[in-house]
Amino acid sequence: MNQARKKLKLSHERVMDLIKLHTNEEIMTKKYYKWTKISNLYSYFAANTSNHYIWAIKKCEVIANSIIEEKKTSL
């Protein structure tokens, strides 16, 4: 497994471990923690997991496509 995948796997495992430390009530209740202000903990977890992964995949696809196009034009 390459370095990027190892780091992604480790980061994901850490976030999942953190999520598991909380109850559903703590995660889903808005203003449960004062520092979340009007939001809930779920929105923070989503922003740092699934939403972030979707963003990263799109960025990777753009980079991969540009590399493919660059190779096509250099032939």
N, C-alpha and C. Protein backbone atom coordinates (compact mmCIF):
# COMPACT_ATOMS: atom_id res chain seq x y z
N MET A 1 0.85 -1.18 0.00
CA MET A 1 0.00 0.00 0.00
C MET A 1 0.90 1.24 0.00
N ASN A 2 0.58 2.20 -0.85
CA ASN A 2 1.44 3.38 -0.90
C ASN A 2 1.21 4.31 0.29
N GLN A 3 2.08 5.26 0.44
CA GLN A 3 2.07 6.18 1.59
C GLN A 3 0.75 6.92 1.74
N ALA A 4 0.20 7.42 0.65
CA ALA A 4 -1.05 8.19 0.72
C ALA A 4 -2.19 7.32 1.24
N ARG A 5 -2.27 6.10 0.76
CA ARG A 5 -3.34 5.20 1.21
C ARG A 5 -3.17 4.84 2.68
N LYS A 6 -1.94 4.63 3.10
CA LYS A 6 -1.67 4.32 4.51
C LYS A 6 -2.12 5.47 5.40
N LYS A 7 -1.78 6.69 4.99
CA LYS A 7 -2.17 7.87 5.78
C LYS A 7 -3.67 8.05 5.80
N LEU A 8 -4.33 7.83 4.68
CA LEU A 8 -5.79 7.93 4.62
C LEU A 8 -6.43 6.91 5.55
N LYS A 9 -5.95 5.67 5.48
CA LYS A 9 -6.51 4.60 6.32
C LYS A 9 -6.33 4.93 7.80
N LEU A 10 -5.15 5.38 8.19
CA LEU A 10 -4.88 5.72 9.58
C LEU A 10 -5.76 6.88 10.04
N SER A 11 -5.86 7.91 9.22
CA SER A 11 -6.68 9.07 9.55
C SER A 11 -8.14 8.67 9.71
N HIS A 12 -8.63 7.85 8.79
CA HIS A 12 -10.02 7.40 8.85
C HIS A 12 -10.26 6.58 10.12
N GLU A 13 -9.34 5.70 10.45
CA GLU A 13 -9.49 4.90 11.66
C GLU A 13 -9.53 5.77 12.91
N ARG A 14 -8.71 6.80 12.95
CA ARG A 14 -8.70 7.71 14.10
C ARG A 14 -10.02 8.45 14.25
N VAL A 15 -10.56 8.93 13.13
CA VAL A 15 -11.84 9.64 13.18
C VAL A 15 -12.96 8.69 13.59
N MET A 16 -12.95 7.48 13.06
CA MET A 16 -13.98 6.50 13.42
C MET A 16 -13.90 6.14 14.91
N ASP A 17 -12.69 6.02 15.43
CA ASP A 17 -12.53 5.76 16.86
C ASP A 17 -13.09 6.91 17.69
N LEU A 18 -12.86 8.13 17.23
CA LEU A 18 -13.38 9.31 17.92
C LEU A 18 -14.91 9.33 17.88
N ILE A 19 -15.47 9.01 16.74
CA ILE A 19 -16.93 8.98 16.61
C ILE A 19 -17.52 7.96 17.58
N LYS A 20 -16.89 6.81 17.67
CA LYS A 20 -17.39 5.73 18.53
C LYS A 20 -17.39 6.10 20.01
N LEU A 21 -16.64 7.11 20.39
CA LEU A 21 -16.60 7.55 21.78
C LEU A 21 -17.86 8.32 22.19
N HIS A 22 -18.69 8.68 21.21
CA HIS A 22 -19.87 9.50 21.47
C HIS A 22 -21.15 8.71 21.28
N THR A 23 -22.16 9.09 22.04
CA THR A 23 -23.49 8.49 21.88
C THR A 23 -24.20 9.15 20.69
N ASN A 24 -25.27 8.51 20.23
CA ASN A 24 -26.07 9.10 19.16
C ASN A 24 -26.61 10.46 19.58
N GLU A 25 -27.01 10.55 20.84
CA GLU A 25 -27.54 11.82 21.35
C GLU A 25 -26.47 12.92 21.26
N GLU A 26 -25.26 12.62 21.66
CA GLU A 26 -24.18 13.61 21.61
C GLU A 26 -23.88 14.02 20.18
N ILE A 27 -23.97 13.09 19.27
CA ILE A 27 -23.65 13.36 17.86
C ILE A 27 -24.76 14.13 17.16
N MET A 28 -26.01 13.79 17.43
CA MET A 28 -27.12 14.35 16.66
C MET A 28 -27.79 15.58 17.27
N THR A 29 -27.61 15.82 18.56
CA THR A 29 -28.29 16.94 19.21
C THR A 29 -27.58 18.26 18.93
N LYS A 30 -28.32 19.19 18.35
CA LYS A 30 -27.76 20.52 18.11
C LYS A 30 -27.47 21.19 19.45
N LYS A 31 -26.38 21.92 19.50
CA LYS A 31 -25.95 22.66 20.69
C LYS A 31 -25.61 21.76 21.89
N TYR A 32 -25.44 20.45 21.64
CA TYR A 32 -25.10 19.55 22.74
C TYR A 32 -23.78 20.00 23.37
N TYR A 33 -22.83 20.32 22.51
CA TYR A 33 -21.57 20.89 22.97
C TYR A 33 -21.59 22.39 22.67
N LYS A 34 -21.21 23.18 23.62
CA LYS A 34 -21.25 24.63 23.47
C LYS A 34 -20.45 25.11 22.25
N TRP A 35 -19.30 24.47 22.01
CA TRP A 35 -18.42 24.92 20.92
C TRP A 35 -18.98 24.64 19.52
N THR A 36 -20.04 23.79 19.42
CA THR A 36 -20.64 23.57 18.10
C THR A 36 -21.64 24.66 17.75
N LYS A 37 -21.87 25.56 18.70
CA LYS A 37 -22.80 26.69 18.53
C LYS A 37 -24.18 26.17 18.17
N ILE A 38 -24.70 26.50 16.97
CA ILE A 38 -26.07 26.09 16.62
C ILE A 38 -26.10 24.74 15.90
N SER A 39 -24.95 24.14 15.69
CA SER A 39 -24.87 22.91 14.93
C SER A 39 -24.81 21.68 15.84
N ASN A 40 -24.64 20.52 15.22
CA ASN A 40 -24.44 19.30 15.99
C ASN A 40 -23.08 18.70 15.64
N LEU A 41 -22.67 17.75 16.40
CA LEU A 41 -21.37 17.12 16.19
C LEU A 41 -21.33 16.36 14.87
N TYR A 42 -22.48 15.86 14.46
CA TYR A 42 -22.57 15.15 13.17
C TYR A 42 -22.03 15.99 12.02
N SER A 43 -22.38 17.25 11.99
CA SER A 43 -21.95 18.10 10.88
C SER A 43 -20.43 18.21 10.83
N TYR A 44 -19.78 18.20 11.98
CA TYR A 44 -18.32 18.24 12.02
C TYR A 44 -17.72 16.93 11.54
N PHE A 45 -18.32 15.82 11.98
CA PHE A 45 -17.82 14.52 11.54
C PHE A 45 -18.03 14.33 10.04
N ALA A 46 -19.17 14.74 9.53
CA ALA A 46 -19.45 14.61 8.10
C ALA A 46 -18.48 15.45 7.28
N ALA A 47 -18.20 16.66 7.75
CA ALA A 47 -17.29 17.54 7.03
C ALA A 47 -15.87 16.97 6.97
N ASN A 48 -15.52 16.18 7.96
CA ASN A 48 -14.17 15.64 8.02
C ASN A 48 -14.07 14.17 7.61
N THR A 49 -15.16 13.63 7.12
CA THR A 49 -15.13 12.26 6.62
C THR A 49 -15.75 12.24 5.22
N SER A 50 -17.00 11.85 5.11
CA SER A 50 -17.61 11.63 3.80
C SER A 50 -17.53 12.85 2.87
N ASN A 51 -17.89 14.01 3.35
CA ASN A 51 -17.85 15.21 2.50
C ASN A 51 -16.42 15.51 2.04
N HIS A 52 -15.48 15.32 2.93
CA HIS A 52 -14.07 15.56 2.58
C HIS A 52 -13.58 14.52 1.58
N TYR A 53 -13.99 13.27 1.76
CA TYR A 53 -13.58 12.21 0.84
C TYR A 53 -14.13 12.46 -0.56
N ILE A 54 -15.38 12.90 -0.65
CA ILE A 54 -15.99 13.21 -1.94
C ILE A 54 -15.22 14.34 -2.62
N TRP A 55 -14.88 15.37 -1.87
CA TRP A 55 -14.10 16.49 -2.41
C TRP A 55 -12.74 16.00 -2.91
N ALA A 56 -12.08 15.17 -2.11
CA ALA A 56 -10.74 14.68 -2.47
C ALA A 56 -10.78 13.80 -3.71
N ILE A 57 -11.80 12.96 -3.83
CA ILE A 57 -11.93 12.09 -5.01
C ILE A 57 -12.09 12.94 -6.26
N LYS A 58 -12.91 13.98 -6.19
CA LYS A 58 -13.10 14.86 -7.35
C LYS A 58 -11.79 15.54 -7.73
N LYS A 59 -11.02 15.99 -6.74
CA LYS A 59 -9.73 16.63 -7.02
C LYS A 59 -8.77 15.63 -7.67
N CYS A 60 -8.75 14.41 -7.15
CA CYS A 60 -7.88 13.37 -7.71
C CYS A 60 -8.26 13.05 -9.15
N GLU A 61 -9.56 13.01 -9.43
CA GLU A 61 -10.02 12.75 -10.79
C GLU A 61 -9.58 13.85 -11.75
N VAL A 62 -9.65 15.09 -11.31
CA VAL A 62 -9.21 16.22 -12.14
C VAL A 62 -7.72 16.09 -12.44
N ILE A 63 -6.93 15.79 -11.43
CA ILE A 63 -5.48 15.64 -11.61
C ILE A 63 -5.19 14.47 -12.55
N ALA A 64 -5.85 13.33 -12.33
CA ALA A 64 -5.63 12.15 -13.18
C ALA A 64 -5.99 12.46 -14.63
N ASN A 65 -7.11 13.13 -14.84
CA ASN A 65 -7.53 13.48 -16.20
C ASN A 65 -6.55 14.43 -16.86
N SER A 66 -6.00 15.37 -16.11
CA SER A 66 -5.04 16.30 -16.69
C SER A 66 -3.75 15.57 -17.06
N ILE A 67 -3.35 14.59 -16.28
CA ILE A 67 -2.16 13.80 -16.60
C ILE A 67 -2.39 12.99 -17.87
N ILE A 68 -3.58 12.39 -17.98
CA ILE A 68 -3.93 11.62 -19.18
C ILE A 68 -3.92 12.52 -20.41
N GLU A 69 -4.52 13.69 -20.30
CA GLU A 69 -4.56 14.63 -21.43
C GLU A 69 -3.16 15.11 -21.80
N GLU A 70 -2.33 15.35 -20.81
CA GLU A 70 -0.96 15.78 -21.05
C GLU A 70 -0.18 14.70 -21.81
N LYS A 71 -0.39 13.45 -21.43
CA LYS A 71 0.28 12.34 -22.12
C LYS A 71 -0.20 12.22 -23.55
N LYS A 72 -1.50 12.42 -23.78
CA LYS A 72 -2.06 12.35 -25.14
C LYS A 72 -1.46 13.41 -26.04
N THR A 73 -1.31 14.62 -25.52
CA THR A 73 -0.81 15.72 -26.34
C THR A 73 0.69 15.62 -26.57
N SER A 74 1.40 14.88 -25.74
CA SER A 74 2.86 14.78 -25.91
C SER A 74 3.23 13.67 -26.89
N LEU A 75 2.26 12.88 -27.32
CA LEU A 75 2.54 11.77 -28.27
C LEU A 75 2.63 12.24 -29.66
